[in-house]
Amino acid sequence: MKYVKTVFWTVLFIVLFVLFTLNVYQSVDFQYFYGTENIFKEIPLFVVIFFSMAVGFLLGLLVFLGEVMQLKKDCRIRDTELMTLKKELDTHRNVAVKEFIDSESNGGNGES
């Protein structure tokens, strides 16, 4: 399976490399929001493709980081809730032990 995966990624890389090298000599005019003027004239196509991929990657990274921050916040909230519940459980355990000890010291009749 590892061999197939390596071959797949190698072939994909070679195909993408060939496509990018074929597009090196093609140029495009860049218009922003359908304006009448060209902001950039005769920009290489691979620069436009690379820039759009970089912007998409950065936007995806920002969304991912936002989700990670939200999950960390939720974990902190759950951790504080867990600690308070553990403290409450420990106090109830101690109360039961104290009642048992008090009942045993009173002769085992169960009265406090």
N, C-alpha and C. Protein backbone atom coordinates (compact mmCIF):
# COMPACT_ATOMS: atom_id res chain seq x y z
N MET A 1 0.82 -1.20 0.00
CA MET A 1 0.00 0.00 0.00
C MET A 1 0.87 1.26 0.00
N LYS A 2 1.95 1.20 0.75
CA LYS A 2 2.85 2.36 0.80
C LYS A 2 3.46 2.61 -0.57
N TYR A 3 3.77 1.54 -1.30
CA TYR A 3 4.35 1.67 -2.63
C TYR A 3 3.36 2.33 -3.58
N VAL A 4 2.10 1.94 -3.52
CA VAL A 4 1.07 2.50 -4.39
C VAL A 4 0.88 3.99 -4.08
N LYS A 5 0.89 4.32 -2.81
CA LYS A 5 0.73 5.72 -2.42
C LYS A 5 1.89 6.57 -2.93
N THR A 6 3.11 6.05 -2.82
CA THR A 6 4.28 6.77 -3.29
C THR A 6 4.23 6.97 -4.80
N VAL A 7 3.84 5.94 -5.52
CA VAL A 7 3.74 6.05 -6.98
C VAL A 7 2.66 7.06 -7.35
N PHE A 8 1.53 7.02 -6.66
CA PHE A 8 0.44 7.96 -6.95
C PHE A 8 0.90 9.40 -6.77
N TRP A 9 1.53 9.72 -5.64
CA TRP A 9 1.95 11.09 -5.40
C TRP A 9 3.05 11.52 -6.37
N THR A 10 3.92 10.60 -6.75
CA THR A 10 4.98 10.94 -7.71
C THR A 10 4.38 11.25 -9.07
N VAL A 11 3.45 10.43 -9.53
CA VAL A 11 2.81 10.67 -10.83
C VAL A 11 2.02 11.97 -10.79
N LEU A 12 1.31 12.22 -9.71
CA LEU A 12 0.55 13.46 -9.58
C LEU A 12 1.47 14.67 -9.61
N PHE A 13 2.58 14.60 -8.92
CA PHE A 13 3.54 15.70 -8.92
C PHE A 13 4.10 15.94 -10.32
N ILE A 14 4.42 14.88 -11.03
CA ILE A 14 4.98 15.03 -12.38
C ILE A 14 3.94 15.63 -13.32
N VAL A 15 2.70 15.18 -13.23
CA VAL A 15 1.64 15.73 -14.09
C VAL A 15 1.42 17.20 -13.80
N LEU A 16 1.36 17.58 -12.53
CA LEU A 16 1.18 18.99 -12.19
C LEU A 16 2.38 19.82 -12.63
N PHE A 17 3.56 19.29 -12.49
CA PHE A 17 4.76 20.01 -12.91
C PHE A 17 4.75 20.25 -14.42
N VAL A 18 4.35 19.24 -15.19
CA VAL A 18 4.27 19.39 -16.64
C VAL A 18 3.23 20.42 -17.02
N LEU A 19 2.06 20.38 -16.36
CA LEU A 19 1.01 21.36 -16.66
C LEU A 19 1.46 22.78 -16.34
N PHE A 20 2.15 22.95 -15.23
CA PHE A 20 2.62 24.29 -14.88
C PHE A 20 3.69 24.77 -15.85
N THR A 21 4.57 23.89 -16.28
CA THR A 21 5.61 24.33 -17.22
C THR A 21 5.03 24.63 -18.59
N LEU A 22 3.95 23.95 -18.97
CA LEU A 22 3.31 24.28 -20.24
C LEU A 22 2.63 25.65 -20.19
N ASN A 23 2.19 26.05 -19.02
CA ASN A 23 1.49 27.33 -18.88
C ASN A 23 2.41 28.49 -18.56
N VAL A 24 3.70 28.27 -18.55
CA VAL A 24 4.64 29.34 -18.21
C VAL A 24 4.58 30.46 -19.23
N TYR A 25 4.42 30.11 -20.47
CA TYR A 25 4.47 31.12 -21.52
C TYR A 25 3.12 31.76 -21.79
N GLN A 26 2.08 31.28 -21.16
CA GLN A 26 0.77 31.90 -21.33
C GLN A 26 0.64 33.05 -20.35
N SER A 27 0.06 34.14 -20.81
CA SER A 27 -0.14 35.27 -19.92
C SER A 27 -1.59 35.71 -19.99
N VAL A 28 -2.04 36.33 -18.90
CA VAL A 28 -3.42 36.78 -18.82
C VAL A 28 -3.44 38.21 -18.31
N ASP A 29 -4.53 38.92 -18.61
CA ASP A 29 -4.75 40.25 -18.06
C ASP A 29 -5.66 40.08 -16.85
N PHE A 30 -5.30 40.73 -15.78
CA PHE A 30 -6.03 40.58 -14.53
C PHE A 30 -6.93 41.78 -14.32
N GLN A 31 -8.26 41.53 -14.26
CA GLN A 31 -9.23 42.58 -13.98
C GLN A 31 -9.90 42.24 -12.66
N TYR A 32 -10.03 43.23 -11.82
CA TYR A 32 -10.60 43.01 -10.50
C TYR A 32 -12.03 43.49 -10.48
N PHE A 33 -12.98 42.62 -10.21
CA PHE A 33 -14.42 42.91 -10.15
C PHE A 33 -14.94 43.52 -11.45
N TYR A 34 -14.59 42.94 -12.54
CA TYR A 34 -15.12 43.31 -13.85
C TYR A 34 -14.93 44.78 -14.18
N GLY A 35 -13.81 45.33 -13.77
CA GLY A 35 -13.53 46.73 -14.08
C GLY A 35 -13.18 46.91 -15.54
N THR A 36 -13.18 48.15 -15.98
CA THR A 36 -12.86 48.42 -17.37
C THR A 36 -11.35 48.49 -17.59
N GLU A 37 -10.61 48.76 -16.55
CA GLU A 37 -9.16 48.83 -16.67
C GLU A 37 -8.53 47.55 -16.17
N ASN A 38 -7.44 47.17 -16.80
CA ASN A 38 -6.68 46.02 -16.35
C ASN A 38 -5.73 46.46 -15.25
N ILE A 39 -5.80 45.81 -14.11
CA ILE A 39 -4.90 46.14 -13.03
C ILE A 39 -3.50 45.66 -13.37
N PHE A 40 -3.40 44.42 -13.81
CA PHE A 40 -2.12 43.86 -14.22
C PHE A 40 -2.27 43.36 -15.65
N LYS A 41 -1.36 43.77 -16.50
CA LYS A 41 -1.40 43.31 -17.88
C LYS A 41 -0.32 42.27 -18.09
N GLU A 42 -0.71 41.24 -18.81
CA GLU A 42 0.18 40.16 -19.20
C GLU A 42 0.94 39.55 -18.02
N ILE A 43 0.16 39.10 -17.06
CA ILE A 43 0.72 38.39 -15.91
C ILE A 43 0.83 36.91 -16.31
N PRO A 44 1.91 36.22 -15.94
CA PRO A 44 1.99 34.79 -16.26
C PRO A 44 0.87 34.01 -15.57
N LEU A 45 0.34 33.03 -16.27
CA LEU A 45 -0.79 32.27 -15.76
C LEU A 45 -0.43 31.50 -14.50
N PHE A 46 0.78 30.98 -14.41
CA PHE A 46 1.15 30.21 -13.23
C PHE A 46 1.20 31.08 -11.98
N VAL A 47 1.47 32.39 -12.13
CA VAL A 47 1.47 33.30 -10.98
C VAL A 47 0.04 33.46 -10.47
N VAL A 48 -0.92 33.60 -11.37
CA VAL A 48 -2.32 33.74 -10.98
C VAL A 48 -2.80 32.46 -10.28
N ILE A 49 -2.43 31.30 -10.84
CA ILE A 49 -2.84 30.03 -10.25
C ILE A 49 -2.22 29.86 -8.87
N PHE A 50 -0.92 30.15 -8.78
CA PHE A 50 -0.23 30.02 -7.49
C PHE A 50 -0.82 30.98 -6.45
N PHE A 51 -1.09 32.22 -6.84
CA PHE A 51 -1.65 33.20 -5.91
C PHE A 51 -3.03 32.78 -5.44
N SER A 52 -3.87 32.28 -6.36
CA SER A 52 -5.22 31.86 -5.95
C SER A 52 -5.16 30.64 -5.04
N MET A 53 -4.22 29.72 -5.29
CA MET A 53 -4.07 28.57 -4.40
C MET A 53 -3.58 29.01 -3.03
N ALA A 54 -2.67 29.98 -2.98
CA ALA A 54 -2.16 30.47 -1.70
C ALA A 54 -3.26 31.16 -0.90
N VAL A 55 -4.08 31.96 -1.57
CA VAL A 55 -5.18 32.63 -0.87
C VAL A 55 -6.18 31.60 -0.34
N GLY A 56 -6.50 30.59 -1.13
CA GLY A 56 -7.41 29.54 -0.68
C GLY A 56 -6.84 28.77 0.50
N PHE A 57 -5.53 28.49 0.45
CA PHE A 57 -4.88 27.79 1.56
C PHE A 57 -4.94 28.63 2.83
N LEU A 58 -4.67 29.92 2.71
CA LEU A 58 -4.69 30.79 3.89
C LEU A 58 -6.09 30.93 4.48
N LEU A 59 -7.09 31.02 3.62
CA LEU A 59 -8.47 31.10 4.12
C LEU A 59 -8.87 29.81 4.83
N GLY A 60 -8.50 28.68 4.26
CA GLY A 60 -8.77 27.41 4.91
C GLY A 60 -8.04 27.28 6.24
N LEU A 61 -6.81 27.78 6.28
CA LEU A 61 -6.03 27.75 7.52
C LEU A 61 -6.67 28.62 8.60
N LEU A 62 -7.19 29.78 8.20
CA LEU A 62 -7.87 30.65 9.17
C LEU A 62 -9.12 29.98 9.74
N VAL A 63 -9.89 29.33 8.89
CA VAL A 63 -11.09 28.63 9.36
C VAL A 63 -10.69 27.50 10.31
N PHE A 64 -9.65 26.75 9.93
CA PHE A 64 -9.17 25.65 10.77
C PHE A 64 -8.69 26.16 12.12
N LEU A 65 -7.93 27.26 12.12
CA LEU A 65 -7.45 27.80 13.39
C LEU A 65 -8.59 28.31 14.26
N GLY A 66 -9.63 28.88 13.63
CA GLY A 66 -10.80 29.31 14.39
C GLY A 66 -11.49 28.14 15.07
N GLU A 67 -11.60 27.03 14.36
CA GLU A 67 -12.23 25.85 14.95
C GLU A 67 -11.36 25.28 16.07
N VAL A 68 -10.05 25.29 15.89
CA VAL A 68 -9.15 24.79 16.94
C VAL A 68 -9.26 25.65 18.19
N MET A 69 -9.32 26.96 18.01
CA MET A 69 -9.44 27.86 19.16
C MET A 69 -10.77 27.62 19.89
N GLN A 70 -11.84 27.41 19.14
CA GLN A 70 -13.14 27.14 19.76
C GLN A 70 -13.11 25.82 20.53
N LEU A 71 -12.48 24.80 19.96
CA LEU A 71 -12.38 23.52 20.65
C LEU A 71 -11.53 23.61 21.91
N LYS A 72 -10.47 24.40 21.87
CA LYS A 72 -9.64 24.58 23.07
C LYS A 72 -10.43 25.30 24.16
N LYS A 73 -11.23 26.28 23.75
CA LYS A 73 -12.07 26.99 24.72
C LYS A 73 -13.07 26.03 25.36
N ASP A 74 -13.70 25.19 24.54
CA ASP A 74 -14.64 24.20 25.06
C ASP A 74 -13.95 23.23 26.01
N CYS A 75 -12.73 22.82 25.68
CA CYS A 75 -11.99 21.90 26.57
C CYS A 75 -11.67 22.56 27.91
N ARG A 76 -11.30 23.84 27.89
CA ARG A 76 -11.03 24.53 29.15
C ARG A 76 -12.28 24.61 30.00
N ILE A 77 -13.42 24.89 29.37
CA ILE A 77 -14.68 24.96 30.11
C ILE A 77 -15.01 23.60 30.71
N ARG A 78 -14.84 22.54 29.92
CA ARG A 78 -15.12 21.19 30.42
C ARG A 78 -14.15 20.79 31.53
N ASP A 79 -12.89 21.20 31.41
CA ASP A 79 -11.91 20.89 32.45
C ASP A 79 -12.26 21.56 33.77
N THR A 80 -12.68 22.82 33.72
CA THR A 80 -13.06 23.50 34.97
C THR A 80 -14.31 22.86 35.57
N GLU A 81 -15.26 22.48 34.72
CA GLU A 81 -16.46 21.81 35.20
C GLU A 81 -16.10 20.46 35.83
N LEU A 82 -15.18 19.74 35.20
CA LEU A 82 -14.74 18.46 35.73
C LEU A 82 -14.06 18.62 37.08
N MET A 83 -13.23 19.63 37.22
CA MET A 83 -12.56 19.85 38.50
C MET A 83 -13.56 20.19 39.60
N THR A 84 -14.55 21.02 39.31
CA THR A 84 -15.55 21.34 40.33
C THR A 84 -16.37 20.10 40.70
N LEU A 85 -16.69 19.28 39.72
CA LEU A 85 -17.44 18.06 40.02
C LEU A 85 -16.61 17.06 40.83
N LYS A 86 -15.30 17.00 40.53
CA LYS A 86 -14.43 16.12 41.32
C LYS A 86 -14.35 16.60 42.77
N LYS A 87 -14.24 17.92 42.96
CA LYS A 87 -14.20 18.46 44.32
C LYS A 87 -15.50 18.16 45.06
N GLU A 88 -16.61 18.32 44.36
CA GLU A 88 -17.90 18.04 44.98
C GLU A 88 -18.03 16.56 45.34
N LEU A 89 -17.56 15.70 44.46
CA LEU A 89 -17.60 14.27 44.73
C LEU A 89 -16.72 13.92 45.92
N ASP A 90 -15.54 14.52 46.01
CA ASP A 90 -14.65 14.25 47.14
C ASP A 90 -15.28 14.71 48.45
N THR A 91 -15.96 15.86 48.43
CA THR A 91 -16.60 16.32 49.67
C THR A 91 -17.72 15.37 50.09
N HIS A 92 -18.49 14.87 49.13
CA HIS A 92 -19.56 13.92 49.47
C HIS A 92 -18.99 12.60 49.95
N ARG A 93 -17.88 12.18 49.41
CA ARG A 93 -17.25 10.96 49.90
C ARG A 93 -16.78 11.13 51.34
N ASN A 94 -16.20 12.28 51.62
CA ASN A 94 -15.72 12.54 52.98
C ASN A 94 -16.87 12.63 53.96
N VAL A 95 -17.99 13.18 53.54
CA VAL A 95 -19.15 13.27 54.42
C VAL A 95 -19.64 11.87 54.77
N ALA A 96 -19.69 10.99 53.80
CA ALA A 96 -20.14 9.62 54.06
C ALA A 96 -19.18 8.91 55.00
N VAL A 97 -17.90 9.12 54.84
CA VAL A 97 -16.91 8.49 55.71
C VAL A 97 -17.04 9.04 57.13
N LYS A 98 -17.21 10.35 57.25
CA LYS A 98 -17.36 10.96 58.58
C LYS A 98 -18.61 10.43 59.28
N GLU A 99 -19.71 10.30 58.54
CA GLU A 99 -20.93 9.77 59.14
C GLU A 99 -20.72 8.33 59.61
N PHE A 100 -20.01 7.54 58.81
CA PHE A 100 -19.74 6.16 59.20
C PHE A 100 -18.86 6.11 60.45
N ILE A 101 -17.85 6.94 60.49
CA ILE A 101 -16.95 6.97 61.66
C ILE A 101 -17.71 7.45 62.90
N ASP A 102 -18.54 8.47 62.72
CA ASP A 102 -19.32 8.97 63.85
C ASP A 102 -20.31 7.91 64.35
N SER A 103 -20.91 7.16 63.44
CA SER A 103 -21.87 6.14 63.86
C SER A 103 -21.16 4.99 64.57
N GLU A 104 -19.95 4.68 64.15
CA GLU A 104 -19.19 3.62 64.81
C GLU A 104 -18.72 4.07 66.19
N SER A 105 -18.38 5.34 66.32
CA SER A 105 -17.91 5.83 67.63
C SER A 105 -19.08 5.98 68.62
N ASN A 106 -20.30 6.05 68.12
CA ASN A 106 -21.47 6.15 68.99
C ASN A 106 -22.03 4.79 69.36
N GLY A 107 -21.28 3.79 69.16
CA GLY A 107 -21.72 2.46 69.57
C GLY A 107 -22.33 1.66 68.45
N GLY A 108 -22.28 2.15 67.24
CA GLY A 108 -22.78 1.39 66.09
C GLY A 108 -24.27 1.38 65.98
N ASN A 109 -24.97 2.28 66.69
CA ASN A 109 -26.43 2.27 66.60
C ASN A 109 -26.94 3.12 65.43
N GLY A 110 -26.03 3.78 64.73
CA GLY A 110 -26.43 4.54 63.55
C GLY A 110 -26.92 5.93 63.85
N GLU A 111 -26.94 6.35 65.11
CA GLU A 111 -27.38 7.69 65.45
C GLU A 111 -26.18 8.60 65.55
N SER A 112 -26.38 9.85 65.15
CA SER A 112 -25.27 10.81 65.20
C SER A 112 -25.25 11.55 66.50
